[in-house]
Amino acid sequence: MSLEFRELLKKIGSGTHTGESLTRDESAISSRMMLLGEATPAQIGAFLISHRIKRPTGEELAGMLDTYDQLGPKLTPPNPPFRGEINEELTPSKRPFRGRTIVLGVPYDGRSRTAPISPLTALLLTTVGVSVIMHGGGRMPTKEGLPLIEVWQGLGVDWTKLSLSQVQKVFNTTYLGFVNLASHFPQAEDFVTYRREIGKRVPFATMELIWAPYTGDAHIISGYVHPPTEIMFREALAIRDFKAFTSIKGLEGSCDIPRDRTAIIGYTHPDDQYPDNFERLLLHPRDYGFAGKEVPLESTSQLIEEMTGVLQGKKSELMLSAIWNGGFYLWHCGICTDLNQGLSKAETLFTNGEVFQTLELLRQAV
C-alpha cells in the first residue's frame, strides 16, 4: 500500500464538506502512481469512483495531461509539417491554425447510435496536405461502442499491427497517424480493466479528449456532450498555456458536427491579439442545405459499405454528412475562404476520387 497515495485519496474522497480538489502537481502524481501500479488495486478503485463523484477540475485535468505527456507515446512532426497550397486570400488572422497538426479527440468508448464521420474527415484533410493524428483503443467501457480502430480495419488500414516507429513512418508519408493504446501505451491500456469493473466513466476518459500525443504545434479538436466539460477543457488547456483548441458539441461526444441540430463550436485563437481568446460559432445546417437526420449506426459491415460508397463518389445521406463535416473543417483550418467554398471543395474531393486515392496510399503505407 502506498501511504503517499492514501493521503491523496483522503483529500478527494472525504465528502462534500471536507473533501478538496487536488493541485496540478498532486493530480499528476496520483495519475502516475495509478498508471505505474504503485497504488494498490483497492486504492485505485476507491480513487476513481471518488473522483468520479467529486468531478474533476480543470487544474486536475492539467495534471493528468502532464503525466500522459511524461509517460505516453508521441509522434513527431512530418517534414514539411504542411504540404498543401497556401490560400493567399486569407490573412494570417483568418487562418490561425494553418500549418498545425490536427489532433482529433473523440470518446474512446466508441459509437452506438450514429455513424462516425471522422475517418472520412481525416482522409479529406490529409488529401489537401493537413496532417491529422487520431488516438484510441479497442472496445472500451462504459459504452463498449464501435471504436475508430475497428472502422479503420474495415477500411483496410490495421493500425494495431504497427509499432510507434512504424506509425511515425506512415505519418511522415501520408500525413495521417493513429496512436493505439494497446500497442503504444500499455500502462493506459492496462487501466481499462479498472474502467470496466467500475462501470462509470472515470476522469481519465474526460482528459483523453484533450490529450495530444504529439511533440509539434498541435490544434486539438475535441468533442463533448455537456457544457461543463467544455469549461473544464478550456481551464485545463489555459493552465498548460495551450491556445490552439476547438470544441465541438458533436455526435455522441465526438468531433462530428450534427445535421439534425445547430452545430455549437468554440475555439481559442492562438494569436495573442485576441484578449478574451475564445470565440463561439453556431452553424445551422438548414442555412446551407444540409439539414437532415443523422445516419444511424446499424452494423459495422454496413457502415464500411456506406463509407466505401462515399469514397467512390456515390450519393447518400452519409455523403451529405461527410461533405458537411469536411466543408467545415476545410474552412476552419484555413484551406478555404468561407464555409460555402469548403463545402464545394469537400464535395469535389469526395466525388472525383481524390480522397479514395488517399486511402489507397494509406493502405499501401500501412
Protein backbone atom coordinates (compact mmCIF):
# COMPACT_ATOMS: atom_id res chain seq x y z
CA MET A 1 0.00 0.00 0.00
CA SER A 2 1.23 3.49 -0.82
CA LEU A 3 0.91 5.91 2.08
CA GLU A 4 1.51 8.85 -0.25
CA PHE A 5 -1.35 7.79 -2.49
CA ARG A 6 -3.59 7.20 0.53
CA GLU A 7 -3.20 10.86 1.52
CA LEU A 8 -4.24 11.98 -1.98
CA LEU A 9 -7.21 9.62 -1.86
CA LYS A 10 -8.28 11.01 1.52
CA LYS A 11 -8.15 14.52 0.11
CA ILE A 12 -10.63 13.93 -2.72
CA GLY A 13 -12.68 11.23 -1.00
CA SER A 14 -13.69 12.97 2.22
CA GLY A 15 -17.13 14.04 1.09
CA THR A 16 -18.91 17.27 0.25
CA HIS A 17 -17.94 19.25 3.33
CA THR A 18 -14.32 18.29 3.93
CA GLY A 19 -13.13 16.94 0.57
CA GLU A 20 -10.76 19.02 -1.55
CA SER A 21 -9.61 19.11 -5.14
CA LEU A 22 -6.05 18.18 -5.99
CA THR A 23 -3.46 20.63 -7.18
CA ARG A 24 -1.96 20.17 -10.62
CA ASP A 25 1.14 18.50 -9.15
CA GLU A 26 -0.92 16.24 -6.91
CA SER A 27 -3.09 15.20 -9.83
CA ALA A 28 0.00 14.39 -11.88
CA ILE A 29 1.48 12.35 -9.03
CA SER A 30 -1.71 10.37 -8.42
CA SER A 31 -2.13 9.69 -12.15
CA ARG A 32 1.43 8.46 -12.40
CA MET A 33 1.10 6.19 -9.37
CA MET A 34 -2.07 4.63 -10.78
CA LEU A 35 -0.70 4.10 -14.27
CA LEU A 36 2.52 2.56 -12.94
CA GLY A 37 0.73 0.37 -10.43
CA GLU A 38 2.38 1.99 -7.42
CA ALA A 39 -1.04 2.29 -5.79
CA THR A 40 -2.90 -0.90 -4.89
CA PRO A 41 -6.00 -2.03 -6.82
CA ALA A 42 -8.18 -1.14 -3.82
CA GLN A 43 -6.69 2.35 -3.68
CA ILE A 44 -7.08 2.86 -7.42
CA GLY A 45 -10.71 1.74 -7.44
CA ALA A 46 -11.55 3.96 -4.49
CA PHE A 47 -9.77 6.92 -6.06
CA LEU A 48 -11.50 6.57 -9.41
CA ILE A 49 -15.01 6.33 -8.04
CA SER A 50 -14.36 9.17 -5.54
CA HIS A 51 -13.01 11.36 -8.31
CA ARG A 52 -15.97 10.48 -10.50
CA ILE A 53 -18.41 11.56 -7.76
CA LYS A 54 -16.49 14.73 -6.95
CA ARG A 55 -15.97 15.62 -10.64
CA PRO A 56 -12.54 16.73 -11.86
CA THR A 57 -11.43 20.33 -12.11
CA GLY A 58 -9.54 21.94 -14.97
CA GLU A 59 -6.42 22.02 -12.78
CA GLU A 60 -6.71 18.29 -12.12
CA LEU A 61 -7.12 17.57 -15.83
CA ALA A 62 -3.97 19.62 -16.45
CA GLY A 63 -2.07 17.39 -14.02
CA MET A 64 -3.36 14.25 -15.74
CA LEU A 65 -2.18 15.64 -19.08
CA ASP A 66 1.24 16.27 -17.56
CA THR A 67 1.50 12.59 -16.68
CA TYR A 68 0.28 11.41 -20.07
CA ASP A 69 2.87 13.68 -21.68
CA GLN A 70 5.57 12.19 -19.45
CA LEU A 71 4.67 8.51 -19.80
CA GLY A 72 2.78 8.31 -23.07
CA PRO A 73 3.84 7.95 -26.71
CA LYS A 74 4.34 10.90 -29.04
CA LEU A 75 4.56 11.32 -32.77
CA THR A 76 6.93 13.95 -34.15
CA PRO A 77 6.10 16.44 -36.92
CA PRO A 78 6.36 15.26 -40.52
CA ASN A 79 8.65 17.25 -42.77
CA PRO A 80 7.31 19.59 -44.06
CA PRO A 81 4.54 19.95 -41.44
CA PHE A 82 2.10 21.19 -44.10
CA ARG A 83 2.24 20.32 -47.79
CA GLY A 84 -0.92 21.99 -49.10
CA GLU A 85 -1.31 25.19 -51.04
CA ILE A 86 -1.29 28.46 -49.12
CA ASN A 87 -4.54 30.35 -49.58
CA GLU A 88 -3.28 33.89 -50.07
CA GLU A 89 -6.83 35.27 -49.81
CA LEU A 90 -6.77 34.53 -46.10
CA THR A 91 -4.83 36.90 -43.87
CA PRO A 92 -2.84 35.30 -41.02
CA SER A 93 -5.54 36.30 -38.51
CA LYS A 94 -8.11 34.43 -40.59
CA ARG A 95 -6.07 31.23 -40.78
CA PRO A 96 -4.73 30.91 -37.23
CA PHE A 97 -4.50 27.12 -37.37
CA ARG A 98 -2.50 26.99 -40.61
CA GLY A 99 0.37 24.54 -40.50
CA ARG A 100 -0.67 22.87 -37.25
CA THR A 101 -1.26 19.16 -36.97
CA ILE A 102 -4.86 18.40 -36.04
CA VAL A 103 -5.36 16.03 -33.12
CA LEU A 104 -8.91 14.68 -33.03
CA GLY A 105 -10.14 13.82 -29.54
CA VAL A 106 -13.13 11.51 -29.55
CA PRO A 107 -14.55 9.28 -26.77
CA TYR A 108 -12.61 6.05 -26.51
CA ASP A 109 -15.77 4.07 -25.74
CA GLY A 110 -16.93 4.43 -29.32
CA ARG A 111 -20.24 4.89 -31.07
CA SER A 112 -23.53 3.07 -30.64
CA ARG A 113 -26.21 5.19 -32.32
CA THR A 114 -24.81 7.28 -35.17
CA ALA A 115 -22.33 6.60 -37.95
CA PRO A 116 -18.86 8.05 -37.28
CA ILE A 117 -17.63 10.61 -39.82
CA SER A 118 -14.16 11.45 -38.50
CA PRO A 119 -12.21 8.83 -40.53
CA LEU A 120 -13.62 10.37 -43.71
CA THR A 121 -12.81 13.85 -42.40
CA ALA A 122 -9.23 12.78 -41.62
CA LEU A 123 -8.77 11.36 -45.12
CA LEU A 124 -10.15 14.55 -46.66
CA LEU A 125 -7.84 16.79 -44.66
CA THR A 126 -4.73 14.77 -45.45
CA THR A 127 -5.72 14.91 -49.11
CA VAL A 128 -5.21 18.69 -49.03
CA GLY A 129 -2.00 18.48 -47.00
CA VAL A 130 -3.20 18.88 -43.42
CA SER A 131 -1.63 16.36 -41.02
CA VAL A 132 -4.00 14.55 -38.68
CA ILE A 133 -3.46 12.39 -35.59
CA MET A 134 -6.13 10.18 -34.04
CA HIS A 135 -5.85 8.06 -30.90
CA GLY A 136 -7.83 5.46 -29.00
CA GLY A 137 -8.13 1.75 -28.41
CA GLY A 138 -10.39 -1.26 -28.78
CA ARG A 139 -13.82 -1.85 -27.30
CA MET A 140 -13.94 0.07 -24.07
CA PRO A 141 -16.34 0.81 -21.21
CA THR A 142 -18.70 2.26 -20.48
CA LYS A 143 -20.45 2.22 -23.83
CA GLU A 144 -18.36 -0.55 -25.42
CA GLY A 145 -19.33 1.01 -28.73
CA LEU A 146 -17.68 0.81 -32.13
CA PRO A 147 -14.16 2.26 -31.80
CA LEU A 148 -12.32 4.06 -34.58
CA ILE A 149 -9.64 1.38 -34.70
CA GLU A 150 -12.25 -1.11 -35.98
CA VAL A 151 -13.56 1.37 -38.54
CA TRP A 152 -10.04 1.74 -39.93
CA GLN A 153 -9.63 -2.02 -40.02
CA GLY A 154 -12.83 -2.24 -42.05
CA LEU A 155 -11.37 0.29 -44.49
CA GLY A 156 -8.27 -1.85 -44.90
CA VAL A 157 -5.99 0.04 -42.53
CA ASP A 158 -4.92 -2.00 -39.49
CA TRP A 159 -3.11 0.31 -37.09
CA THR A 160 -2.93 -2.41 -34.40
CA LYS A 161 -0.05 -4.19 -36.14
CA LEU A 162 2.26 -1.17 -36.21
CA SER A 163 4.86 -0.12 -33.67
CA LEU A 164 5.07 3.58 -32.83
CA SER A 165 8.10 3.97 -35.11
CA GLN A 166 6.14 2.37 -37.94
CA VAL A 167 3.21 4.70 -37.32
CA GLN A 168 5.69 7.58 -37.48
CA LYS A 169 6.85 6.42 -40.93
CA VAL A 170 3.25 6.24 -42.12
CA PHE A 171 2.60 9.68 -40.66
CA ASN A 172 5.67 11.09 -42.43
CA THR A 173 4.49 9.85 -45.83
CA THR A 174 0.70 10.09 -45.62
CA TYR A 175 0.19 12.83 -43.00
CA LEU A 176 -2.15 10.54 -41.06
CA GLY A 177 -1.27 8.68 -37.86
CA PHE A 178 -3.09 6.70 -35.18
CA VAL A 179 -1.78 6.15 -31.65
CA ASN A 180 -3.22 2.87 -30.36
CA LEU A 181 -3.28 2.32 -26.60
CA ALA A 182 -2.69 -1.43 -26.73
CA SER A 183 0.35 -1.10 -28.98
CA HIS A 184 1.83 2.19 -27.87
CA PHE A 185 0.68 2.98 -24.32
CA PRO A 186 0.35 -0.29 -22.37
CA GLN A 187 0.02 1.45 -18.99
CA ALA A 188 -3.15 3.20 -20.18
CA GLU A 189 -4.39 0.01 -21.83
CA ASP A 190 -3.94 -1.94 -18.59
CA PHE A 191 -6.04 0.70 -16.87
CA VAL A 192 -9.08 -0.24 -18.98
CA THR A 193 -9.75 -3.15 -16.59
CA TYR A 194 -10.49 -0.71 -13.77
CA ARG A 195 -12.79 1.31 -16.02
CA ARG A 196 -14.71 -1.82 -16.97
CA GLU A 197 -15.08 -3.07 -13.39
CA ILE A 198 -16.21 0.32 -12.07
CA GLY A 199 -18.78 0.71 -14.86
CA LYS A 200 -18.62 4.50 -14.91
CA ARG A 201 -16.66 6.98 -16.99
CA VAL A 202 -13.63 7.97 -14.96
CA PRO A 203 -11.93 11.40 -15.19
CA PHE A 204 -9.24 9.89 -17.41
CA ALA A 205 -11.94 9.49 -20.08
CA THR A 206 -12.51 13.24 -19.99
CA MET A 207 -8.82 14.08 -20.09
CA GLU A 208 -8.20 11.82 -23.10
CA LEU A 209 -10.38 14.08 -25.23
CA ILE A 210 -7.78 16.86 -24.99
CA TRP A 211 -4.64 14.71 -24.98
CA ALA A 212 -2.23 15.38 -27.85
CA PRO A 213 0.34 12.57 -28.32
CA TYR A 214 2.49 14.87 -30.41
CA THR A 215 5.66 16.94 -29.98
CA GLY A 216 4.91 19.67 -32.54
CA ASP A 217 2.41 22.51 -32.87
CA ALA A 218 -0.97 20.86 -32.46
CA HIS A 219 -4.50 22.03 -32.99
CA ILE A 220 -6.60 19.98 -30.58
CA ILE A 221 -10.18 19.43 -31.70
CA SER A 222 -12.29 17.64 -29.13
CA GLY A 223 -15.89 16.63 -28.87
CA TYR A 224 -18.06 16.95 -25.80
CA VAL A 225 -21.65 16.40 -24.66
CA HIS A 226 -22.16 18.53 -21.55
CA PRO A 227 -21.25 22.26 -21.42
CA PRO A 228 -19.37 21.95 -18.09
CA THR A 229 -16.96 19.59 -19.84
CA GLU A 230 -16.03 22.28 -22.34
CA ILE A 231 -15.35 24.68 -19.48
CA MET A 232 -13.01 22.13 -17.87
CA PHE A 233 -11.23 21.70 -21.21
CA ARG A 234 -10.63 25.41 -21.53
CA GLU A 235 -9.39 25.73 -17.95
CA ALA A 236 -7.01 22.79 -18.28
CA LEU A 237 -5.52 23.97 -21.56
CA ALA A 238 -5.21 27.55 -20.30
CA ILE A 239 -3.25 26.30 -17.28
CA ARG A 240 -0.93 24.47 -19.68
CA ASP A 241 -0.69 27.63 -21.86
CA PHE A 242 -2.19 25.86 -24.87
CA LYS A 243 -4.26 28.04 -27.20
CA ALA A 244 -4.94 26.21 -30.46
CA PHE A 245 -8.12 24.46 -29.36
CA THR A 246 -11.54 23.82 -30.90
CA SER A 247 -14.50 22.27 -29.11
CA ILE A 248 -17.37 20.56 -30.93
CA LYS A 249 -20.70 19.67 -29.32
CA GLY A 250 -20.76 16.72 -31.66
CA LEU A 251 -22.48 13.43 -32.26
CA GLU A 252 -22.16 11.20 -29.19
CA GLY A 253 -19.45 13.49 -27.86
CA SER A 254 -17.32 13.20 -30.98
CA CYS A 255 -15.83 15.80 -33.33
CA ASP A 256 -18.55 15.09 -35.92
CA ILE A 257 -20.79 18.12 -36.34
CA PRO A 258 -24.52 17.30 -36.49
CA ARG A 259 -27.02 17.80 -39.29
CA ASP A 260 -30.19 17.46 -37.20
CA ARG A 261 -29.49 20.47 -34.99
CA THR A 262 -27.42 23.61 -34.76
CA ALA A 263 -23.71 22.91 -34.52
CA ILE A 264 -22.17 24.55 -31.44
CA ILE A 265 -18.46 25.20 -31.90
CA GLY A 266 -15.99 27.12 -29.79
CA TYR A 267 -12.34 27.88 -30.34
CA THR A 268 -9.43 29.63 -28.72
CA HIS A 269 -7.36 31.79 -31.02
CA PRO A 270 -3.60 31.14 -30.87
CA ASP A 271 -2.92 34.78 -31.77
CA ASP A 272 -2.39 36.88 -28.63
CA GLN A 273 -4.06 39.92 -30.20
CA TYR A 274 -7.42 38.46 -29.13
CA PRO A 275 -7.75 39.37 -25.44
CA ASP A 276 -10.61 37.03 -24.47
CA ASN A 277 -9.12 34.32 -26.69
CA PHE A 278 -12.40 32.46 -27.19
CA GLU A 279 -14.97 32.69 -29.93
CA ARG A 280 -18.30 30.91 -30.34
CA LEU A 281 -19.64 29.75 -33.69
CA LEU A 282 -23.17 28.48 -34.38
CA LEU A 283 -23.78 26.73 -37.69
CA HIS A 284 -27.32 25.98 -38.86
CA PRO A 285 -27.21 23.15 -41.43
CA ARG A 286 -30.53 24.23 -42.94
CA ASP A 287 -28.93 27.53 -43.99
CA TYR A 288 -26.59 25.58 -46.26
CA GLY A 289 -28.95 22.89 -47.48
CA PHE A 290 -27.57 20.13 -45.24
CA ALA A 291 -30.30 19.69 -42.63
CA GLY A 292 -31.35 16.09 -42.17
CA LYS A 293 -31.44 13.09 -39.89
CA GLU A 294 -28.20 11.61 -38.66
CA VAL A 295 -27.11 8.39 -40.33
CA PRO A 296 -27.80 5.52 -37.90
CA LEU A 297 -25.13 3.01 -36.99
CA GLU A 298 -26.75 -0.34 -37.74
CA SER A 299 -23.73 -2.61 -38.13
CA THR A 300 -20.01 -2.31 -38.75
CA SER A 301 -20.25 -4.04 -42.12
CA GLN A 302 -23.00 -1.70 -43.32
CA LEU A 303 -21.04 1.33 -42.11
CA ILE A 304 -17.94 0.23 -44.05
CA GLU A 305 -20.06 -0.35 -47.14
CA GLU A 306 -21.56 3.13 -46.86
CA MET A 307 -18.15 4.73 -46.24
CA THR A 308 -16.74 2.94 -49.26
CA GLY A 309 -19.63 4.31 -51.27
CA VAL A 310 -18.77 7.86 -50.15
CA LEU A 311 -15.14 7.34 -51.19
CA GLN A 312 -16.36 6.10 -54.56
CA GLY A 313 -18.44 9.24 -55.04
CA LYS A 314 -21.90 7.72 -54.53
CA LYS A 315 -24.68 9.99 -53.31
CA SER A 316 -26.11 9.10 -49.91
CA GLU A 317 -27.03 10.57 -46.54
CA LEU A 318 -23.57 9.63 -45.32
CA MET A 319 -22.07 11.54 -48.25
CA LEU A 320 -24.02 14.64 -47.17
CA SER A 321 -22.73 14.23 -43.62
CA ALA A 322 -19.17 13.79 -44.91
CA ILE A 323 -19.43 16.94 -47.05
CA TRP A 324 -20.99 18.94 -44.20
CA ASN A 325 -18.18 17.96 -41.84
CA GLY A 326 -15.43 18.14 -44.42
CA GLY A 327 -16.52 21.56 -45.64
CA PHE A 328 -16.46 22.96 -42.13
CA TYR A 329 -13.00 21.58 -41.37
CA LEU A 330 -11.54 22.81 -44.67
CA TRP A 331 -12.78 26.29 -43.81
CA HIS A 332 -11.90 26.19 -40.11
CA CYS A 333 -8.37 25.01 -40.81
CA GLY A 334 -7.73 27.81 -43.28
CA ILE A 335 -7.85 25.85 -46.55
CA CYS A 336 -10.92 27.66 -47.87
CA THR A 337 -12.03 31.27 -47.53
CA ASP A 338 -15.57 30.52 -46.34
CA LEU A 339 -17.86 27.65 -45.49
CA ASN A 340 -19.55 27.56 -48.89
CA GLN A 341 -16.21 27.21 -50.62
CA GLY A 342 -15.27 24.49 -48.14
CA LEU A 343 -18.48 22.56 -48.84
CA SER A 344 -17.92 22.80 -52.57
CA LYS A 345 -14.32 21.66 -52.29
CA ALA A 346 -15.23 18.76 -50.00
CA GLU A 347 -17.87 17.54 -52.45
CA THR A 348 -15.40 17.73 -55.32
CA LEU A 349 -12.68 15.82 -53.47
CA PHE A 350 -15.06 13.05 -52.45
CA THR A 351 -16.73 12.67 -55.85
CA ASN A 352 -13.65 12.91 -58.09
CA GLY A 353 -11.85 10.08 -56.27
CA GLU A 354 -9.02 12.08 -54.70
CA VAL A 355 -9.94 11.11 -51.13
CA PHE A 356 -10.20 7.47 -52.21
CA GLN A 357 -6.68 7.74 -53.66
CA THR A 358 -5.51 9.00 -50.26
CA LEU A 359 -6.99 5.88 -48.66
CA GLU A 360 -5.20 3.69 -51.21
CA LEU A 361 -1.89 5.36 -50.39
CA LEU A 362 -2.57 4.88 -46.68
CA ARG A 363 -3.34 1.19 -47.16
CA GLN A 364 -0.08 0.71 -49.04
CA ALA A 365 1.92 2.60 -46.41
CA VAL A 366 0.44 0.58 -43.54
